[in-house]
Amino acid sequence: MPDAWDVPLLTEWLTGFRDAVDQAGEELTALDSAIGDADHGSNMRRGLAAAVAAVSQAPPADCGAFFKTVGMSLVSNVGGASGPLYGTLFLRMGTVAGTAGTLAIQLFGECLQAGLDGLVQRGKAQPGDKTMVDAMLPAVRAYDEVAADGGPMVSALTAAAQAAAQGRDGTTPMEAKKGRASYLGERSVGHQDPGATSMTLLFETAAKVFA
């Protein structure tokens, strides 16, 4: 069982994320219909299809190039707020990964933290604002705890996926403070955030790569 990412495994992750979003596209659209533009599912489907095509047609030479290709594809092909947010996440991961051919557990954790920092900076969202940050922040923390204890990659990613799902579920009773959902005020309460939902799929598919 591998214990570090390389370009083929990153491609497997991206492809799995595309497939998961494809299967959940109607759910994502329904969630976004309640508190947003009703386009999160369709936008993510289009952007991930373009990203998978980009890395398949011209396989990146290293992990940093992989993340940068994905990030630019998402920025160019995903409309609304999701494109810049997910694009920034992957671009920041690419900056940390650099020319590395493999990403072991510590370095991948640094990539995740850089992606989270970029997401927060771009969206200016804080925990509790009912955004994708509410899924990614606990996921990165859970990953780091396992990594600090010397656990393997699969355990760190499994813990991250579970924490992301808990964070996603925790957005339902929140009142939105950012994005179009914030226009609804108290009426946004009772609806699961679509961005936190797709973010959870990202971590769940990462865990499956090493399972």
Foldseek 3Di string as FASTA:
>chain_A
DDQKDALVLVLLLLVQLLVVLQVCLCVLLVLCVQQHDSCPSVLSNFLSVQLSVQCVVPPDQTQLRSLQSSLVSLLVRGDDPVSNLSSQLSNQLSVQRDRHRIGGLVSNLVSLVSSLVSNCVSFVDDALQQALNLLSVQLSVQLVVCVVVVHTNLNSLVSSLVSLVVSQVVSQQGQHDGDRSNVVGNSSHRGGRSRSVSSSSSSVSSSVSVD
